[in-house]
Amino acid sequence: MIALFGGRFDPVHNGHILIAKEVLKVGAAREVWFSLENQHQWRPIIASVEERRAMLALAIDGNPHMKIDETPIQLGGLTETISVIRELRKTVSDDIIFVAGSDQLPTFSKWTHWDQLQKEVSFLIVTRKGSPAENLPSNCILLDDPTYEPLEDSATRIRECIKTGKPITGLVPKEVERYIIEHSLYK
């Protein structure tokens, strides 16, 4: 099973990496693929594809069970989860489960082609602080590990810290922090 973890990763942060490690730890999948969005339906993407790809590569370096999926970028335009899943199924024989945070539950019905998507893929829901995992749709499985402690990290918070000159040490992997500083991102 492959866990497809879609997102802007703008920037990738420790919360993202913790989720991927948790998915692997509980055996929900043998690999986690970070599916790098091309465009986001509701929010702008700040860093370029190349910058976000480079930060992801730094964050997962050395972990053979994590990789970057560029299907949304190859498809171009607005990223739709159903299109990504269908494209991957053309070349991937493994089962795919889509990783989503519990904060996404209230907006699932707004996702493009949600009705079809529910029939084509299961979702692995990971709890986020302040977003209880309630009223799960039938195609959702809750990541069940009583020892899992979600982080409060968010890319929005990290970008705001950078903009206001606050440190981001401990919020992103060290290599990602170094990359952000060297490339003057999010100022």
N, C-alpha and C. Protein backbone atom coordinates (compact mmCIF):
# COMPACT_ATOMS: atom_id res chain seq x y z
N MET A 1 0.85 -1.18 0.00
CA MET A 1 0.00 0.00 0.00
C MET A 1 0.89 1.24 0.00
N ILE A 2 0.47 2.22 -0.79
CA ILE A 2 1.15 3.51 -0.84
C ILE A 2 0.23 4.55 -0.21
N ALA A 3 0.78 5.34 0.69
CA ALA A 3 0.05 6.46 1.28
C ALA A 3 0.42 7.70 0.49
N LEU A 4 -0.55 8.28 -0.17
CA LEU A 4 -0.34 9.50 -0.95
C LEU A 4 -0.70 10.68 -0.06
N PHE A 5 0.30 11.52 0.19
CA PHE A 5 0.16 12.64 1.11
C PHE A 5 0.24 13.91 0.26
N GLY A 6 -0.91 14.45 -0.10
CA GLY A 6 -0.95 15.63 -0.96
C GLY A 6 -0.83 16.91 -0.18
N GLY A 7 -0.21 17.91 -0.80
CA GLY A 7 -0.11 19.20 -0.14
C GLY A 7 0.72 20.19 -0.92
N ARG A 8 0.66 21.42 -0.44
CA ARG A 8 1.48 22.48 -1.03
C ARG A 8 2.91 22.36 -0.54
N PHE A 9 3.09 21.92 0.71
CA PHE A 9 4.41 21.81 1.32
C PHE A 9 5.19 23.10 1.10
N ASP A 10 4.57 24.16 1.60
CA ASP A 10 5.04 25.52 1.31
C ASP A 10 5.29 26.30 2.60
N PRO A 11 6.26 25.90 3.44
CA PRO A 11 7.25 24.84 3.26
C PRO A 11 6.82 23.53 3.94
N VAL A 12 7.53 22.46 3.60
CA VAL A 12 7.39 21.21 4.34
C VAL A 12 7.88 21.48 5.76
N HIS A 13 7.19 20.93 6.75
CA HIS A 13 7.58 21.18 8.14
C HIS A 13 7.59 19.90 8.95
N ASN A 14 7.99 20.02 10.20
CA ASN A 14 8.13 18.84 11.06
C ASN A 14 6.83 18.08 11.23
N GLY A 15 5.69 18.78 11.22
CA GLY A 15 4.39 18.12 11.32
C GLY A 15 4.16 17.18 10.16
N HIS A 16 4.52 17.61 8.94
CA HIS A 16 4.38 16.74 7.76
C HIS A 16 5.23 15.48 7.91
N ILE A 17 6.47 15.68 8.32
CA ILE A 17 7.38 14.53 8.44
C ILE A 17 6.92 13.59 9.55
N LEU A 18 6.43 14.15 10.66
CA LEU A 18 5.92 13.33 11.75
C LEU A 18 4.75 12.46 11.27
N ILE A 19 3.85 13.04 10.49
CA ILE A 19 2.71 12.29 9.97
C ILE A 19 3.19 11.14 9.10
N ALA A 20 4.12 11.41 8.20
CA ALA A 20 4.64 10.36 7.32
C ALA A 20 5.28 9.23 8.13
N LYS A 21 6.06 9.61 9.13
CA LYS A 21 6.70 8.59 9.98
C LYS A 21 5.66 7.78 10.74
N GLU A 22 4.60 8.44 11.18
CA GLU A 22 3.53 7.75 11.91
C GLU A 22 2.80 6.76 11.00
N VAL A 23 2.52 7.15 9.77
CA VAL A 23 1.87 6.26 8.81
C VAL A 23 2.70 5.00 8.62
N LEU A 24 4.01 5.18 8.50
CA LEU A 24 4.91 4.04 8.34
C LEU A 24 5.00 3.21 9.62
N LYS A 25 5.05 3.88 10.76
CA LYS A 25 5.19 3.20 12.06
C LYS A 25 4.02 2.25 12.33
N VAL A 26 2.80 2.71 12.04
CA VAL A 26 1.63 1.87 12.32
C VAL A 26 1.35 0.86 11.21
N GLY A 27 2.17 0.89 10.16
CA GLY A 27 2.01 -0.07 9.08
C GLY A 27 0.84 0.20 8.17
N ALA A 28 0.38 1.44 8.13
CA ALA A 28 -0.75 1.79 7.25
C ALA A 28 -0.34 1.75 5.78
N ALA A 29 0.95 1.87 5.51
CA ALA A 29 1.48 1.81 4.14
C ALA A 29 2.95 1.44 4.22
N ARG A 30 3.49 0.94 3.10
CA ARG A 30 4.92 0.62 3.07
C ARG A 30 5.74 1.80 2.60
N GLU A 31 5.08 2.76 1.91
CA GLU A 31 5.75 3.99 1.46
C GLU A 31 4.79 5.16 1.61
N VAL A 32 5.36 6.34 1.84
CA VAL A 32 4.59 7.59 1.84
C VAL A 32 5.13 8.43 0.69
N TRP A 33 4.23 8.81 -0.20
CA TRP A 33 4.59 9.67 -1.33
C TRP A 33 4.03 11.06 -1.08
N PHE A 34 4.91 12.04 -1.02
CA PHE A 34 4.49 13.44 -0.86
C PHE A 34 4.11 13.95 -2.24
N SER A 35 2.82 14.13 -2.46
CA SER A 35 2.31 14.56 -3.76
C SER A 35 2.28 16.09 -3.81
N LEU A 36 3.22 16.63 -4.54
CA LEU A 36 3.47 18.07 -4.57
C LEU A 36 2.47 18.77 -5.49
N GLU A 37 1.58 19.55 -4.90
CA GLU A 37 0.54 20.24 -5.66
C GLU A 37 1.12 21.24 -6.64
N ASN A 38 0.47 21.35 -7.77
CA ASN A 38 0.86 22.33 -8.78
C ASN A 38 0.21 23.68 -8.47
N GLN A 39 -1.08 23.66 -8.25
CA GLN A 39 -1.84 24.84 -7.85
C GLN A 39 -2.82 24.38 -6.79
N HIS A 40 -3.22 25.29 -5.93
CA HIS A 40 -4.18 24.94 -4.89
C HIS A 40 -5.50 25.61 -5.19
N GLN A 41 -6.56 24.87 -4.92
CA GLN A 41 -7.91 25.33 -5.23
C GLN A 41 -8.31 26.58 -4.47
N TRP A 42 -7.89 26.69 -3.19
CA TRP A 42 -8.39 27.77 -2.35
C TRP A 42 -7.32 28.75 -1.89
N ARG A 43 -6.07 28.31 -1.86
CA ARG A 43 -5.02 29.18 -1.32
C ARG A 43 -3.83 29.25 -2.27
N PRO A 44 -3.17 30.40 -2.31
CA PRO A 44 -2.02 30.53 -3.22
C PRO A 44 -0.81 29.74 -2.72
N ILE A 45 0.04 29.37 -3.65
CA ILE A 45 1.31 28.72 -3.33
C ILE A 45 2.38 29.79 -3.48
N ILE A 46 3.24 29.93 -2.49
CA ILE A 46 4.23 31.02 -2.45
C ILE A 46 5.54 30.62 -3.14
N ALA A 47 6.18 29.57 -2.67
CA ALA A 47 7.47 29.15 -3.24
C ALA A 47 7.24 28.43 -4.58
N SER A 48 8.25 28.45 -5.41
CA SER A 48 8.15 27.80 -6.71
C SER A 48 8.14 26.28 -6.56
N VAL A 49 7.77 25.59 -7.61
CA VAL A 49 7.80 24.13 -7.61
C VAL A 49 9.21 23.65 -7.29
N GLU A 50 10.20 24.26 -7.92
CA GLU A 50 11.59 23.85 -7.72
C GLU A 50 12.01 24.01 -6.26
N GLU A 51 11.61 25.12 -5.64
CA GLU A 51 11.98 25.37 -4.24
C GLU A 51 11.28 24.38 -3.31
N ARG A 52 10.00 24.14 -3.56
CA ARG A 52 9.26 23.20 -2.70
C ARG A 52 9.77 21.77 -2.89
N ARG A 53 10.10 21.41 -4.11
CA ARG A 53 10.68 20.10 -4.38
C ARG A 53 12.02 19.94 -3.64
N ALA A 54 12.86 20.98 -3.72
CA ALA A 54 14.17 20.93 -3.06
C ALA A 54 14.01 20.79 -1.55
N MET A 55 13.07 21.53 -0.96
CA MET A 55 12.86 21.43 0.49
C MET A 55 12.35 20.04 0.88
N LEU A 56 11.44 19.49 0.08
CA LEU A 56 10.95 18.14 0.37
C LEU A 56 12.08 17.13 0.28
N ALA A 57 12.90 17.26 -0.75
CA ALA A 57 14.03 16.33 -0.92
C ALA A 57 14.96 16.39 0.30
N LEU A 58 15.21 17.58 0.80
CA LEU A 58 16.05 17.72 1.99
C LEU A 58 15.38 17.09 3.22
N ALA A 59 14.07 17.26 3.34
CA ALA A 59 13.34 16.77 4.51
C ALA A 59 13.27 15.25 4.57
N ILE A 60 13.21 14.59 3.42
CA ILE A 60 13.06 13.13 3.41
C ILE A 60 14.35 12.41 3.04
N ASP A 61 15.43 13.14 2.84
CA ASP A 61 16.70 12.56 2.43
C ASP A 61 17.09 11.39 3.32
N GLY A 62 17.41 10.30 2.68
CA GLY A 62 17.88 9.13 3.42
C GLY A 62 16.78 8.19 3.87
N ASN A 63 15.52 8.54 3.70
CA ASN A 63 14.44 7.64 4.09
C ASN A 63 13.93 6.91 2.85
N PRO A 64 14.24 5.62 2.71
CA PRO A 64 13.85 4.89 1.51
C PRO A 64 12.34 4.64 1.40
N HIS A 65 11.59 4.95 2.45
CA HIS A 65 10.15 4.72 2.44
C HIS A 65 9.34 5.99 2.16
N MET A 66 10.05 7.06 1.85
CA MET A 66 9.39 8.33 1.51
C MET A 66 9.92 8.81 0.17
N LYS A 67 9.01 9.33 -0.65
CA LYS A 67 9.44 9.87 -1.93
C LYS A 67 8.53 11.03 -2.33
N ILE A 68 8.97 11.75 -3.34
CA ILE A 68 8.20 12.89 -3.85
C ILE A 68 7.45 12.42 -5.09
N ASP A 69 6.17 12.69 -5.12
CA ASP A 69 5.34 12.38 -6.28
C ASP A 69 5.03 13.70 -7.00
N GLU A 70 5.38 13.78 -8.26
CA GLU A 70 5.16 15.00 -9.03
C GLU A 70 4.01 14.87 -10.03
N THR A 71 3.13 13.92 -9.82
CA THR A 71 2.00 13.74 -10.73
C THR A 71 1.19 15.02 -10.90
N PRO A 72 0.85 15.76 -9.83
CA PRO A 72 0.08 16.99 -10.02
C PRO A 72 0.81 18.01 -10.90
N ILE A 73 2.12 18.09 -10.76
CA ILE A 73 2.90 19.03 -11.56
C ILE A 73 2.90 18.60 -13.02
N GLN A 74 3.05 17.30 -13.24
CA GLN A 74 3.04 16.78 -14.61
C GLN A 74 1.69 16.98 -15.28
N LEU A 75 0.61 16.87 -14.50
CA LEU A 75 -0.73 17.10 -15.05
C LEU A 75 -0.94 18.57 -15.38
N GLY A 76 -0.31 19.44 -14.60
CA GLY A 76 -0.42 20.88 -14.83
C GLY A 76 -1.75 21.44 -14.36
N GLY A 77 -1.83 22.74 -14.31
CA GLY A 77 -3.06 23.42 -13.93
C GLY A 77 -3.45 23.17 -12.49
N LEU A 78 -4.75 23.29 -12.22
CA LEU A 78 -5.30 23.13 -10.88
C LEU A 78 -5.22 21.67 -10.47
N THR A 79 -4.68 21.41 -9.32
CA THR A 79 -4.53 20.05 -8.82
C THR A 79 -5.88 19.53 -8.32
N GLU A 80 -6.33 18.43 -8.92
CA GLU A 80 -7.54 17.76 -8.44
C GLU A 80 -7.14 16.37 -7.99
N THR A 81 -7.48 16.02 -6.79
CA THR A 81 -7.07 14.74 -6.22
C THR A 81 -7.51 13.57 -7.08
N ILE A 82 -8.72 13.61 -7.60
CA ILE A 82 -9.21 12.49 -8.39
C ILE A 82 -8.37 12.29 -9.66
N SER A 83 -7.93 13.37 -10.27
CA SER A 83 -7.08 13.27 -11.47
C SER A 83 -5.73 12.66 -11.13
N VAL A 84 -5.19 13.05 -9.98
CA VAL A 84 -3.90 12.51 -9.54
C VAL A 84 -4.02 11.01 -9.29
N ILE A 85 -5.06 10.60 -8.57
CA ILE A 85 -5.28 9.18 -8.27
C ILE A 85 -5.42 8.39 -9.56
N ARG A 86 -6.23 8.88 -10.48
CA ARG A 86 -6.45 8.16 -11.74
C ARG A 86 -5.17 8.06 -12.57
N GLU A 87 -4.38 9.12 -12.57
CA GLU A 87 -3.12 9.09 -13.31
C GLU A 87 -2.14 8.10 -12.69
N LEU A 88 -2.04 8.10 -11.37
CA LEU A 88 -1.15 7.17 -10.69
C LEU A 88 -1.54 5.72 -10.94
N ARG A 89 -2.83 5.47 -10.98
CA ARG A 89 -3.30 4.09 -11.18
C ARG A 89 -2.90 3.53 -12.54
N LYS A 90 -2.55 4.39 -13.47
CA LYS A 90 -2.10 3.93 -14.79
C LYS A 90 -0.74 3.24 -14.71
N THR A 91 0.07 3.60 -13.71
CA THR A 91 1.42 3.07 -13.62
C THR A 91 1.74 2.39 -12.30
N VAL A 92 0.90 2.55 -11.30
CA VAL A 92 1.16 2.00 -9.97
C VAL A 92 0.18 0.85 -9.70
N SER A 93 0.74 -0.31 -9.39
CA SER A 93 -0.13 -1.46 -9.14
C SER A 93 -0.53 -1.58 -7.67
N ASP A 94 0.19 -0.91 -6.79
CA ASP A 94 -0.14 -0.95 -5.36
C ASP A 94 -1.46 -0.24 -5.08
N ASP A 95 -2.11 -0.65 -3.98
CA ASP A 95 -3.26 0.09 -3.50
C ASP A 95 -2.79 1.45 -3.01
N ILE A 96 -3.65 2.45 -3.14
CA ILE A 96 -3.32 3.82 -2.72
C ILE A 96 -4.32 4.26 -1.67
N ILE A 97 -3.81 4.84 -0.60
CA ILE A 97 -4.66 5.47 0.41
C ILE A 97 -4.21 6.93 0.50
N PHE A 98 -5.15 7.84 0.58
CA PHE A 98 -4.83 9.26 0.58
C PHE A 98 -4.80 9.77 2.02
N VAL A 99 -3.70 10.40 2.40
CA VAL A 99 -3.53 10.93 3.76
C VAL A 99 -4.11 12.34 3.83
N ALA A 100 -4.94 12.58 4.83
CA ALA A 100 -5.50 13.92 5.03
C ALA A 100 -5.60 14.20 6.52
N GLY A 101 -5.47 15.46 6.87
CA GLY A 101 -5.60 15.87 8.26
C GLY A 101 -7.06 15.98 8.65
N SER A 102 -7.34 15.83 9.93
CA SER A 102 -8.72 15.93 10.42
C SER A 102 -9.31 17.31 10.16
N ASP A 103 -8.44 18.32 9.95
CA ASP A 103 -8.94 19.66 9.64
C ASP A 103 -9.60 19.72 8.26
N GLN A 104 -9.36 18.70 7.42
CA GLN A 104 -9.95 18.65 6.08
C GLN A 104 -11.38 18.08 6.09
N LEU A 105 -11.75 17.38 7.14
CA LEU A 105 -13.06 16.72 7.18
C LEU A 105 -14.23 17.66 6.86
N PRO A 106 -14.30 18.86 7.44
CA PRO A 106 -15.44 19.73 7.13
C PRO A 106 -15.49 20.21 5.67
N THR A 107 -14.36 20.15 4.96
CA THR A 107 -14.34 20.67 3.58
C THR A 107 -14.39 19.57 2.52
N PHE A 108 -14.39 18.30 2.93
CA PHE A 108 -14.39 17.22 1.94
C PHE A 108 -15.49 17.37 0.90
N SER A 109 -16.66 17.75 1.32
CA SER A 109 -17.78 17.85 0.37
C SER A 109 -17.56 18.95 -0.67
N LYS A 110 -16.60 19.84 -0.42
CA LYS A 110 -16.30 20.91 -1.38
C LYS A 110 -15.21 20.50 -2.37
N TRP A 111 -14.56 19.37 -2.13
CA TRP A 111 -13.51 18.92 -3.04
C TRP A 111 -14.12 18.61 -4.40
N THR A 112 -13.40 18.95 -5.44
CA THR A 112 -13.86 18.66 -6.80
C THR A 112 -14.05 17.16 -6.97
N HIS A 113 -15.20 16.77 -7.48
CA HIS A 113 -15.54 15.36 -7.73
C HIS A 113 -15.55 14.51 -6.46
N TRP A 114 -15.94 15.10 -5.34
CA TRP A 114 -15.93 14.38 -4.07
C TRP A 114 -16.73 13.09 -4.13
N ASP A 115 -17.90 13.12 -4.77
CA ASP A 115 -18.74 11.92 -4.83
C ASP A 115 -18.01 10.77 -5.51
N GLN A 116 -17.33 11.07 -6.61
CA GLN A 116 -16.58 10.02 -7.31
C GLN A 116 -15.35 9.60 -6.52
N LEU A 117 -14.69 10.57 -5.92
CA LEU A 117 -13.46 10.30 -5.16
C LEU A 117 -13.74 9.34 -4.01
N GLN A 118 -14.89 9.48 -3.36
CA GLN A 118 -15.26 8.60 -2.25
C GLN A 118 -15.31 7.14 -2.69
N LYS A 119 -15.66 6.91 -3.95
CA LYS A 119 -15.78 5.55 -4.47
C LYS A 119 -14.44 4.99 -4.94
N GLU A 120 -13.48 5.86 -5.20
CA GLU A 120 -12.24 5.42 -5.83
C GLU A 120 -11.06 5.27 -4.88
N VAL A 121 -11.10 5.91 -3.73
CA VAL A 121 -9.94 5.86 -2.84
C VAL A 121 -10.41 5.99 -1.39
N SER A 122 -9.66 5.34 -0.51
CA SER A 122 -9.90 5.52 0.93
C SER A 122 -8.99 6.62 1.44
N PHE A 123 -9.41 7.25 2.51
CA PHE A 123 -8.64 8.31 3.14
C PHE A 123 -8.16 7.85 4.50
N LEU A 124 -6.90 8.13 4.79
CA LEU A 124 -6.34 7.88 6.10
C LEU A 124 -6.32 9.22 6.82
N ILE A 125 -7.14 9.36 7.83
CA ILE A 125 -7.29 10.63 8.53
C ILE A 125 -6.34 10.68 9.72
N VAL A 126 -5.54 11.74 9.76
CA VAL A 126 -4.58 11.96 10.83
C VAL A 126 -5.08 13.16 11.65
N THR A 127 -5.18 12.98 12.95
CA THR A 127 -5.68 14.03 13.82
C THR A 127 -4.73 15.22 13.85
N ARG A 128 -5.31 16.42 13.75
CA ARG A 128 -4.56 17.66 13.95
C ARG A 128 -5.11 18.34 15.19
N LYS A 129 -4.22 19.01 15.93
CA LYS A 129 -4.65 19.70 17.15
C LYS A 129 -5.76 20.69 16.80
N GLY A 130 -6.80 20.69 17.61
CA GLY A 130 -7.91 21.61 17.41
C GLY A 130 -8.91 21.17 16.35
N SER A 131 -8.68 20.01 15.75
CA SER A 131 -9.59 19.49 14.72
C SER A 131 -9.94 18.04 15.04
N PRO A 132 -11.00 17.84 15.82
CA PRO A 132 -11.36 16.47 16.17
C PRO A 132 -11.78 15.67 14.94
N ALA A 133 -11.49 14.39 14.98
CA ALA A 133 -11.86 13.50 13.87
C ALA A 133 -13.25 12.93 14.15
N GLU A 134 -14.26 13.71 13.81
CA GLU A 134 -15.64 13.33 14.06
C GLU A 134 -16.40 13.18 12.75
N ASN A 135 -17.45 12.37 12.79
CA ASN A 135 -18.32 12.17 11.64
C ASN A 135 -17.53 11.79 10.39
N LEU A 136 -16.72 10.75 10.51
CA LEU A 136 -15.91 10.31 9.38
C LEU A 136 -16.79 9.76 8.27
N PRO A 137 -16.56 10.21 7.02
CA PRO A 137 -17.25 9.59 5.90
C PRO A 137 -16.89 8.11 5.81
N SER A 138 -17.70 7.33 5.11
CA SER A 138 -17.51 5.88 5.08
C SER A 138 -16.19 5.46 4.45
N ASN A 139 -15.58 6.29 3.62
CA ASN A 139 -14.32 5.91 2.97
C ASN A 139 -13.10 6.40 3.75
N CYS A 140 -13.29 6.76 5.01
CA CYS A 140 -12.19 7.28 5.83
C CYS A 140 -11.84 6.33 6.95
N ILE A 141 -10.54 6.19 7.16
CA ILE A 141 -10.00 5.37 8.24
C ILE A 141 -9.19 6.30 9.13
N LEU A 142 -9.41 6.22 10.41
CA LEU A 142 -8.67 7.06 11.35
C LEU A 142 -7.35 6.39 11.69
N LEU A 143 -6.25 7.12 11.57
CA LEU A 143 -4.95 6.61 11.98
C LEU A 143 -5.03 6.39 13.48
N ASP A 144 -4.90 5.16 13.88
CA ASP A 144 -5.16 4.80 15.28
C ASP A 144 -3.87 4.43 15.99
N ASP A 145 -3.34 5.36 16.74
CA ASP A 145 -2.16 5.12 17.56
C ASP A 145 -2.28 6.01 18.78
N PRO A 146 -2.56 5.43 19.93
CA PRO A 146 -2.74 6.25 21.14
C PRO A 146 -1.49 7.03 21.55
N THR A 147 -0.31 6.65 21.03
CA THR A 147 0.92 7.36 21.40
C THR A 147 1.20 8.53 20.47
N TYR A 148 0.42 8.67 19.40
CA TYR A 148 0.66 9.76 18.43
C TYR A 148 0.25 11.10 19.02
N GLU A 149 1.18 12.05 18.99
CA GLU A 149 0.93 13.41 19.48
C GLU A 149 1.07 14.37 18.31
N PRO A 150 -0.03 14.87 17.76
CA PRO A 150 0.08 15.80 16.63
C PRO A 150 0.77 17.10 17.02
N LEU A 151 1.56 17.63 16.08
CA LEU A 151 2.22 18.91 16.30
C LEU A 151 1.30 20.04 15.87
N GLU A 152 1.57 21.23 16.36
CA GLU A 152 0.75 22.39 15.98
C GLU A 152 1.33 23.12 14.78
N ASP A 153 2.36 22.56 14.17
CA ASP A 153 3.00 23.23 13.03
C ASP A 153 2.01 23.46 11.90
N SER A 154 2.18 24.58 11.25
CA SER A 154 1.46 24.85 10.01
C SER A 154 2.36 25.71 9.14
N ALA A 155 2.28 25.48 7.84
CA ALA A 155 3.10 26.25 6.90
C ALA A 155 2.75 27.74 6.99
N THR A 156 1.49 28.04 7.21
CA THR A 156 1.06 29.44 7.33
C THR A 156 1.77 30.10 8.52
N ARG A 157 1.79 29.42 9.64
CA ARG A 157 2.45 29.95 10.84
C ARG A 157 3.94 30.13 10.60
N ILE A 158 4.55 29.18 9.92
CA ILE A 158 5.99 29.25 9.65
C ILE A 158 6.30 30.42 8.73
N ARG A 159 5.50 30.59 7.68
CA ARG A 159 5.72 31.73 6.77
C ARG A 159 5.54 33.06 7.51
N GLU A 160 4.57 33.12 8.42
CA GLU A 160 4.34 34.34 9.21
C GLU A 160 5.53 34.62 10.13
N CYS A 161 6.08 33.58 10.74
CA CYS A 161 7.27 33.76 11.59
C CYS A 161 8.42 34.35 10.77
N ILE A 162 8.63 33.81 9.59
CA ILE A 162 9.72 34.30 8.74
C ILE A 162 9.49 35.76 8.37
N LYS A 163 8.26 36.07 8.00
CA LYS A 163 7.91 37.44 7.60
C LYS A 163 8.16 38.45 8.71
N THR A 164 7.91 38.01 9.95
CA THR A 164 8.04 38.92 11.09
C THR A 164 9.39 38.79 11.80
N GLY A 165 10.29 37.98 11.22
CA GLY A 165 11.64 37.86 11.78
C GLY A 165 11.77 36.93 12.97
N LYS A 166 10.76 36.13 13.23
CA LYS A 166 10.82 35.18 14.35
C LYS A 166 11.52 33.90 13.89
N PRO A 167 12.18 33.21 14.82
CA PRO A 167 12.89 31.99 14.44
C PRO A 167 11.93 30.85 14.10
N ILE A 168 12.39 29.97 13.21
CA ILE A 168 11.60 28.79 12.85
C ILE A 168 12.33 27.50 13.26
N THR A 169 13.39 27.65 14.02
CA THR A 169 14.15 26.50 14.49
C THR A 169 13.22 25.57 15.27
N GLY A 170 13.24 24.30 14.92
CA GLY A 170 12.39 23.32 15.56
C GLY A 170 11.04 23.14 14.89
N LEU A 171 10.69 24.04 13.96
CA LEU A 171 9.42 23.92 13.24
C LEU A 171 9.57 23.20 11.91
N VAL A 172 10.76 23.29 11.34
CA VAL A 172 11.07 22.63 10.07
C VAL A 172 12.37 21.85 10.25
N PRO A 173 12.61 20.83 9.42
CA PRO A 173 13.89 20.15 9.52
C PRO A 173 15.05 21.14 9.33
N LYS A 174 16.17 20.88 9.99
CA LYS A 174 17.31 21.81 9.95
C LYS A 174 17.74 22.14 8.53
N GLU A 175 17.78 21.13 7.67
CA GLU A 175 18.20 21.35 6.28
C GLU A 175 17.23 22.26 5.54
N VAL A 176 15.95 22.14 5.86
CA VAL A 176 14.92 23.00 5.24
C VAL A 176 15.08 24.42 5.75
N GLU A 177 15.33 24.59 7.05
CA GLU A 177 15.54 25.93 7.61
C GLU A 177 16.74 26.59 6.92
N ARG A 178 17.80 25.85 6.75
CA ARG A 178 19.00 26.37 6.09
C ARG A 178 18.68 26.80 4.65
N TYR A 179 17.90 25.98 3.94
CA TYR A 179 17.52 26.27 2.56
C TYR A 179 16.68 27.56 2.50
N ILE A 180 15.72 27.68 3.40
CA ILE A 180 14.86 28.86 3.45
C ILE A 180 15.70 30.12 3.66
N ILE A 181 16.65 30.05 4.58
CA ILE A 181 17.51 31.20 4.88
C ILE A 181 18.40 31.52 3.67
N GLU A 182 19.05 30.50 3.10
CA GLU A 182 19.96 30.70 1.98
C GLU A 182 19.26 31.28 0.75
N HIS A 183 17.98 30.92 0.57
CA HIS A 183 17.24 31.37 -0.60
C HIS A 183 16.28 32.53 -0.31
N SER A 184 16.35 33.07 0.91
CA SER A 184 15.52 34.21 1.33
C SER A 184 14.04 33.99 1.00
N LEU A 185 13.53 32.83 1.35
CA LEU A 185 12.13 32.52 1.06
C LEU A 185 11.20 33.10 2.12
N TYR A 186 10.00 33.41 1.69
CA TYR A 186 8.88 33.82 2.54
C TYR A 186 9.07 35.13 3.27
N LYS A 187 9.94 36.01 2.76
CA LYS A 187 10.15 37.31 3.42
C LYS A 187 9.18 38.35 2.88
